[in-house]
Amino acid sequence: MHDPKATGNDFFKCDFCMKPWSEGLPMVEGHQGSLICAHCLSVAYTALALNNENSAPAGYTCSMCLEQRDDPAWVSPIRAEGVICKRCARQAATGLQKDPDSNWQKPVRTPVDEA
């Protein structure tokens, strides 16, 4: 999200946790300036891709692709309007992992998770 009241890096904020962009907090941009930070993406990806969770109501609108969808999605515990669909979480995770400057890796299922 873009915060018109802010300046500098504070202008760019994660749509899910409202933290501003920084060198230590890479973000992925969706449509029309929507943003998800690496931390929120890790939580969303784990919930959706690894645990098959769904915390979104039917017919929600994804903050990243701006589409009304019915497939599983993760809703920010901080901002109810911060919703990312499973498709966008996977796409964002693939893109951020490919960015050599981010040092971010997709979460993986661990043996403890499978027990």
N, C-alpha and C. Protein backbone atom coordinates (compact mmCIF):
# COMPACT_ATOMS: atom_id res chain seq x y z
N MET A 1 0.85 -1.16 0.00
CA MET A 1 0.00 0.00 0.00
C MET A 1 0.89 1.22 0.00
N HIS A 2 0.39 2.26 -0.53
CA HIS A 2 1.11 3.52 -0.53
C HIS A 2 0.41 4.46 0.44
N ASP A 3 1.17 4.99 1.37
CA ASP A 3 0.63 5.88 2.39
C ASP A 3 0.91 7.31 1.97
N PRO A 4 -0.08 8.03 1.46
CA PRO A 4 0.15 9.38 0.96
C PRO A 4 0.57 10.38 2.04
N LYS A 5 0.37 10.03 3.31
CA LYS A 5 0.75 10.92 4.41
C LYS A 5 2.21 10.73 4.80
N ALA A 6 2.85 9.69 4.30
CA ALA A 6 4.22 9.36 4.71
C ALA A 6 5.23 9.81 3.65
N THR A 7 6.49 9.84 4.07
CA THR A 7 7.57 10.20 3.16
C THR A 7 8.65 9.12 3.21
N GLY A 8 9.53 9.13 2.22
CA GLY A 8 10.63 8.17 2.18
C GLY A 8 10.12 6.74 2.12
N ASN A 9 10.85 5.85 2.78
CA ASN A 9 10.47 4.44 2.77
C ASN A 9 9.14 4.19 3.46
N ASP A 10 8.73 5.07 4.37
CA ASP A 10 7.46 4.91 5.06
C ASP A 10 6.27 5.04 4.11
N PHE A 11 6.50 5.53 2.91
CA PHE A 11 5.45 5.65 1.91
C PHE A 11 4.96 4.28 1.46
N PHE A 12 5.87 3.29 1.47
CA PHE A 12 5.57 1.93 1.04
C PHE A 12 5.34 1.05 2.26
N LYS A 13 4.14 0.54 2.44
CA LYS A 13 3.81 -0.28 3.60
C LYS A 13 3.16 -1.58 3.18
N CYS A 14 3.47 -2.62 3.94
CA CYS A 14 2.84 -3.92 3.72
C CYS A 14 1.34 -3.79 3.96
N ASP A 15 0.55 -4.30 3.03
CA ASP A 15 -0.90 -4.25 3.17
C ASP A 15 -1.41 -5.15 4.30
N PHE A 16 -0.56 -6.01 4.82
CA PHE A 16 -0.98 -7.01 5.80
C PHE A 16 -0.56 -6.68 7.23
N CYS A 17 0.60 -6.03 7.41
CA CYS A 17 1.07 -5.70 8.76
C CYS A 17 1.37 -4.21 8.95
N MET A 18 1.32 -3.46 7.87
CA MET A 18 1.55 -2.02 7.88
C MET A 18 2.99 -1.60 8.18
N LYS A 19 3.92 -2.55 8.18
CA LYS A 19 5.32 -2.19 8.38
C LYS A 19 5.85 -1.53 7.10
N PRO A 20 6.68 -0.48 7.26
CA PRO A 20 7.23 0.17 6.08
C PRO A 20 8.36 -0.65 5.46
N TRP A 21 8.55 -0.44 4.17
CA TRP A 21 9.63 -1.10 3.44
C TRP A 21 10.97 -0.68 4.02
N SER A 22 11.92 -1.62 4.05
CA SER A 22 13.30 -1.33 4.45
C SER A 22 14.20 -2.33 3.75
N GLU A 23 15.49 -2.06 3.78
CA GLU A 23 16.45 -2.98 3.17
C GLU A 23 16.36 -4.37 3.79
N GLY A 24 16.04 -4.44 5.09
CA GLY A 24 15.95 -5.71 5.79
C GLY A 24 14.58 -6.36 5.70
N LEU A 25 13.64 -5.72 5.04
CA LEU A 25 12.28 -6.26 4.92
C LEU A 25 11.83 -6.16 3.46
N PRO A 26 12.25 -7.13 2.64
CA PRO A 26 11.85 -7.09 1.23
C PRO A 26 10.35 -7.27 1.07
N MET A 27 9.84 -6.73 -0.01
CA MET A 27 8.40 -6.82 -0.30
C MET A 27 8.18 -7.23 -1.74
N VAL A 28 6.99 -7.77 -1.98
CA VAL A 28 6.55 -8.11 -3.32
C VAL A 28 5.35 -7.21 -3.62
N GLU A 29 5.34 -6.66 -4.83
CA GLU A 29 4.26 -5.77 -5.21
C GLU A 29 3.23 -6.51 -6.05
N GLY A 30 1.98 -6.26 -5.75
CA GLY A 30 0.88 -6.79 -6.53
C GLY A 30 0.33 -5.70 -7.44
N HIS A 31 -0.94 -5.78 -7.76
CA HIS A 31 -1.57 -4.80 -8.63
C HIS A 31 -1.84 -3.49 -7.89
N GLN A 32 -1.73 -2.40 -8.62
CA GLN A 32 -2.04 -1.06 -8.12
C GLN A 32 -1.36 -0.74 -6.80
N GLY A 33 -0.11 -1.16 -6.66
CA GLY A 33 0.69 -0.77 -5.50
C GLY A 33 0.48 -1.60 -4.25
N SER A 34 -0.27 -2.69 -4.33
CA SER A 34 -0.42 -3.53 -3.14
C SER A 34 0.93 -4.18 -2.84
N LEU A 35 1.22 -4.38 -1.56
CA LEU A 35 2.51 -4.92 -1.13
C LEU A 35 2.33 -5.96 -0.04
N ILE A 36 3.18 -6.99 -0.09
CA ILE A 36 3.26 -7.95 1.01
C ILE A 36 4.73 -8.10 1.37
N CYS A 37 5.03 -8.00 2.66
CA CYS A 37 6.41 -8.12 3.12
C CYS A 37 6.80 -9.60 3.23
N ALA A 38 8.09 -9.83 3.31
CA ALA A 38 8.60 -11.20 3.38
C ALA A 38 8.06 -11.95 4.59
N HIS A 39 7.93 -11.27 5.72
CA HIS A 39 7.41 -11.94 6.92
C HIS A 39 5.96 -12.39 6.72
N CYS A 40 5.12 -11.47 6.25
CA CYS A 40 3.71 -11.83 6.03
C CYS A 40 3.58 -12.89 4.95
N LEU A 41 4.43 -12.81 3.92
CA LEU A 41 4.40 -13.82 2.88
C LEU A 41 4.77 -15.20 3.44
N SER A 42 5.73 -15.25 4.34
CA SER A 42 6.10 -16.53 4.97
C SER A 42 4.92 -17.13 5.73
N VAL A 43 4.22 -16.29 6.47
CA VAL A 43 3.06 -16.77 7.25
C VAL A 43 1.94 -17.22 6.31
N ALA A 44 1.65 -16.40 5.30
CA ALA A 44 0.58 -16.73 4.35
C ALA A 44 0.91 -17.98 3.56
N TYR A 45 2.15 -18.10 3.07
CA TYR A 45 2.55 -19.25 2.28
C TYR A 45 2.46 -20.53 3.12
N THR A 46 2.91 -20.46 4.36
CA THR A 46 2.84 -21.62 5.25
C THR A 46 1.39 -22.04 5.46
N ALA A 47 0.53 -21.08 5.74
CA ALA A 47 -0.88 -21.39 5.98
C ALA A 47 -1.54 -21.99 4.74
N LEU A 48 -1.28 -21.40 3.59
CA LEU A 48 -1.98 -21.80 2.36
C LEU A 48 -1.34 -22.99 1.65
N ALA A 49 -0.06 -22.89 1.37
CA ALA A 49 0.60 -23.91 0.55
C ALA A 49 1.01 -25.15 1.34
N LEU A 50 1.36 -24.97 2.60
CA LEU A 50 1.82 -26.12 3.38
C LEU A 50 0.73 -26.72 4.26
N ASN A 51 -0.14 -25.89 4.81
CA ASN A 51 -1.14 -26.39 5.75
C ASN A 51 -2.56 -26.43 5.19
N ASN A 52 -2.73 -25.98 3.95
CA ASN A 52 -4.05 -25.97 3.31
C ASN A 52 -5.12 -25.30 4.17
N GLU A 53 -4.74 -24.21 4.82
CA GLU A 53 -5.68 -23.45 5.64
C GLU A 53 -6.42 -22.44 4.78
N ASN A 54 -7.54 -21.99 5.28
CA ASN A 54 -8.32 -20.95 4.62
C ASN A 54 -8.96 -20.10 5.69
N SER A 55 -8.60 -18.82 5.75
CA SER A 55 -9.20 -17.94 6.76
C SER A 55 -10.05 -16.85 6.13
N ALA A 56 -10.32 -16.94 4.83
CA ALA A 56 -11.08 -15.90 4.13
C ALA A 56 -12.53 -16.30 3.93
N PRO A 57 -13.42 -15.33 3.96
CA PRO A 57 -14.82 -15.61 3.67
C PRO A 57 -15.02 -15.85 2.17
N ALA A 58 -16.06 -16.53 1.82
CA ALA A 58 -16.37 -16.77 0.40
C ALA A 58 -16.56 -15.43 -0.30
N GLY A 59 -16.06 -15.36 -1.53
CA GLY A 59 -16.24 -14.17 -2.33
C GLY A 59 -15.36 -12.99 -1.94
N TYR A 60 -14.28 -13.25 -1.21
CA TYR A 60 -13.37 -12.18 -0.80
C TYR A 60 -12.67 -11.58 -2.03
N THR A 61 -12.03 -10.44 -1.85
CA THR A 61 -11.22 -9.83 -2.89
C THR A 61 -9.77 -9.88 -2.44
N CYS A 62 -8.91 -10.45 -3.25
CA CYS A 62 -7.49 -10.57 -2.94
C CYS A 62 -6.83 -9.19 -3.04
N SER A 63 -6.05 -8.84 -2.03
CA SER A 63 -5.35 -7.55 -2.01
C SER A 63 -4.28 -7.46 -3.08
N MET A 64 -3.76 -8.59 -3.51
CA MET A 64 -2.64 -8.58 -4.46
C MET A 64 -3.09 -8.58 -5.92
N CYS A 65 -4.05 -9.42 -6.28
CA CYS A 65 -4.50 -9.48 -7.68
C CYS A 65 -5.77 -8.68 -7.91
N LEU A 66 -6.41 -8.26 -6.82
CA LEU A 66 -7.63 -7.45 -6.85
C LEU A 66 -8.82 -8.19 -7.47
N GLU A 67 -8.74 -9.52 -7.48
CA GLU A 67 -9.83 -10.32 -8.03
C GLU A 67 -10.72 -10.85 -6.90
N GLN A 68 -12.01 -10.94 -7.18
CA GLN A 68 -12.92 -11.60 -6.25
C GLN A 68 -12.76 -13.09 -6.47
N ARG A 69 -12.51 -13.83 -5.38
CA ARG A 69 -12.15 -15.24 -5.52
C ARG A 69 -12.90 -16.09 -4.49
N ASP A 70 -12.92 -17.39 -4.74
CA ASP A 70 -13.53 -18.34 -3.81
C ASP A 70 -12.53 -19.38 -3.32
N ASP A 71 -11.31 -19.40 -3.88
CA ASP A 71 -10.32 -20.39 -3.45
C ASP A 71 -9.71 -19.96 -2.11
N PRO A 72 -8.95 -20.84 -1.47
CA PRO A 72 -8.39 -20.53 -0.15
C PRO A 72 -7.56 -19.25 -0.15
N ALA A 73 -7.60 -18.55 0.99
CA ALA A 73 -6.83 -17.32 1.15
C ALA A 73 -6.46 -17.14 2.61
N TRP A 74 -5.47 -16.30 2.83
CA TRP A 74 -5.02 -15.95 4.17
C TRP A 74 -5.43 -14.51 4.44
N VAL A 75 -6.00 -14.28 5.61
CA VAL A 75 -6.41 -12.95 6.03
C VAL A 75 -5.48 -12.48 7.13
N SER A 76 -4.97 -11.27 6.98
CA SER A 76 -4.09 -10.69 8.00
C SER A 76 -4.81 -10.62 9.34
N PRO A 77 -4.14 -11.02 10.42
CA PRO A 77 -4.77 -10.89 11.74
C PRO A 77 -4.81 -9.44 12.21
N ILE A 78 -4.12 -8.55 11.50
CA ILE A 78 -4.05 -7.14 11.89
C ILE A 78 -5.02 -6.28 11.08
N ARG A 79 -5.18 -6.61 9.79
CA ARG A 79 -6.02 -5.82 8.89
C ARG A 79 -6.95 -6.76 8.14
N ALA A 80 -8.22 -6.73 8.44
CA ALA A 80 -9.18 -7.64 7.79
C ALA A 80 -9.22 -7.44 6.29
N GLU A 81 -8.88 -6.26 5.80
CA GLU A 81 -8.88 -6.02 4.36
C GLU A 81 -7.61 -6.54 3.68
N GLY A 82 -6.64 -7.00 4.46
CA GLY A 82 -5.43 -7.60 3.93
C GLY A 82 -5.65 -9.09 3.70
N VAL A 83 -5.93 -9.46 2.44
CA VAL A 83 -6.24 -10.85 2.08
C VAL A 83 -5.39 -11.23 0.87
N ILE A 84 -4.75 -12.39 0.94
CA ILE A 84 -3.98 -12.88 -0.21
C ILE A 84 -4.47 -14.28 -0.57
N CYS A 85 -4.77 -14.47 -1.86
CA CYS A 85 -5.24 -15.77 -2.31
C CYS A 85 -4.05 -16.73 -2.44
N LYS A 86 -4.35 -18.00 -2.47
CA LYS A 86 -3.31 -19.03 -2.56
C LYS A 86 -2.48 -18.87 -3.82
N ARG A 87 -3.12 -18.55 -4.94
CA ARG A 87 -2.39 -18.36 -6.19
C ARG A 87 -1.38 -17.22 -6.07
N CYS A 88 -1.79 -16.09 -5.50
CA CYS A 88 -0.87 -14.96 -5.36
C CYS A 88 0.23 -15.25 -4.35
N ALA A 89 -0.08 -15.97 -3.28
CA ALA A 89 0.95 -16.33 -2.30
C ALA A 89 2.02 -17.19 -2.95
N ARG A 90 1.61 -18.15 -3.75
CA ARG A 90 2.58 -19.01 -4.44
C ARG A 90 3.41 -18.21 -5.45
N GLN A 91 2.75 -17.37 -6.20
CA GLN A 91 3.44 -16.56 -7.21
C GLN A 91 4.42 -15.59 -6.55
N ALA A 92 4.00 -14.93 -5.48
CA ALA A 92 4.88 -13.99 -4.77
C ALA A 92 6.07 -14.73 -4.16
N ALA A 93 5.81 -15.91 -3.59
CA ALA A 93 6.90 -16.69 -2.98
C ALA A 93 7.93 -17.10 -4.02
N THR A 94 7.47 -17.53 -5.18
CA THR A 94 8.39 -17.93 -6.25
C THR A 94 9.23 -16.73 -6.69
N GLY A 95 8.59 -15.59 -6.85
CA GLY A 95 9.31 -14.39 -7.28
C GLY A 95 10.31 -13.90 -6.26
N LEU A 96 9.91 -13.85 -4.99
CA LEU A 96 10.82 -13.35 -3.96
C LEU A 96 12.00 -14.30 -3.76
N GLN A 97 11.76 -15.59 -3.87
CA GLN A 97 12.84 -16.56 -3.72
C GLN A 97 13.87 -16.41 -4.84
N LYS A 98 13.44 -16.00 -6.02
CA LYS A 98 14.35 -15.83 -7.15
C LYS A 98 15.18 -14.54 -7.04
N ASP A 99 14.76 -13.61 -6.18
CA ASP A 99 15.48 -12.35 -6.03
C ASP A 99 16.72 -12.58 -5.17
N PRO A 100 17.92 -12.50 -5.75
CA PRO A 100 19.13 -12.80 -5.00
C PRO A 100 19.41 -11.81 -3.87
N ASP A 101 18.84 -10.62 -3.95
CA ASP A 101 19.07 -9.62 -2.90
C ASP A 101 18.21 -9.85 -1.66
N SER A 102 17.18 -10.67 -1.78
CA SER A 102 16.25 -10.84 -0.66
C SER A 102 16.73 -11.86 0.37
N ASN A 103 17.49 -12.87 -0.07
CA ASN A 103 17.90 -13.97 0.82
C ASN A 103 16.69 -14.66 1.45
N TRP A 104 15.56 -14.63 0.78
CA TRP A 104 14.33 -15.23 1.30
C TRP A 104 14.14 -16.59 0.64
N GLN A 105 13.69 -17.54 1.42
CA GLN A 105 13.39 -18.88 0.91
C GLN A 105 11.96 -19.25 1.28
N LYS A 106 11.31 -19.98 0.40
CA LYS A 106 9.97 -20.46 0.70
C LYS A 106 10.02 -21.33 1.95
N PRO A 107 9.05 -21.16 2.84
CA PRO A 107 8.98 -22.08 3.98
C PRO A 107 8.77 -23.51 3.47
N VAL A 108 9.30 -24.46 4.21
CA VAL A 108 9.15 -25.86 3.86
C VAL A 108 8.60 -26.63 5.04
N ARG A 109 7.98 -27.72 4.74
CA ARG A 109 7.45 -28.58 5.80
C ARG A 109 8.61 -29.30 6.45
N THR A 110 8.63 -29.29 7.75
CA THR A 110 9.70 -29.96 8.49
C THR A 110 9.18 -31.29 9.03
N PRO A 111 10.09 -32.21 9.40
CA PRO A 111 9.63 -33.48 9.97
C PRO A 111 8.73 -33.29 11.18
N VAL A 112 8.94 -32.24 11.98
CA VAL A 112 8.10 -31.99 13.15
C VAL A 112 6.68 -31.67 12.68
N ASP A 113 6.55 -30.91 11.57
CA ASP A 113 5.23 -30.57 11.02
C ASP A 113 4.47 -31.81 10.58
N GLU A 114 5.18 -32.82 10.13
CA GLU A 114 4.54 -34.01 9.59
C GLU A 114 4.16 -35.02 10.66
N ALA A 115 4.63 -34.84 11.86
CA ALA A 115 4.35 -35.80 12.93
C ALA A 115 2.93 -35.69 13.43
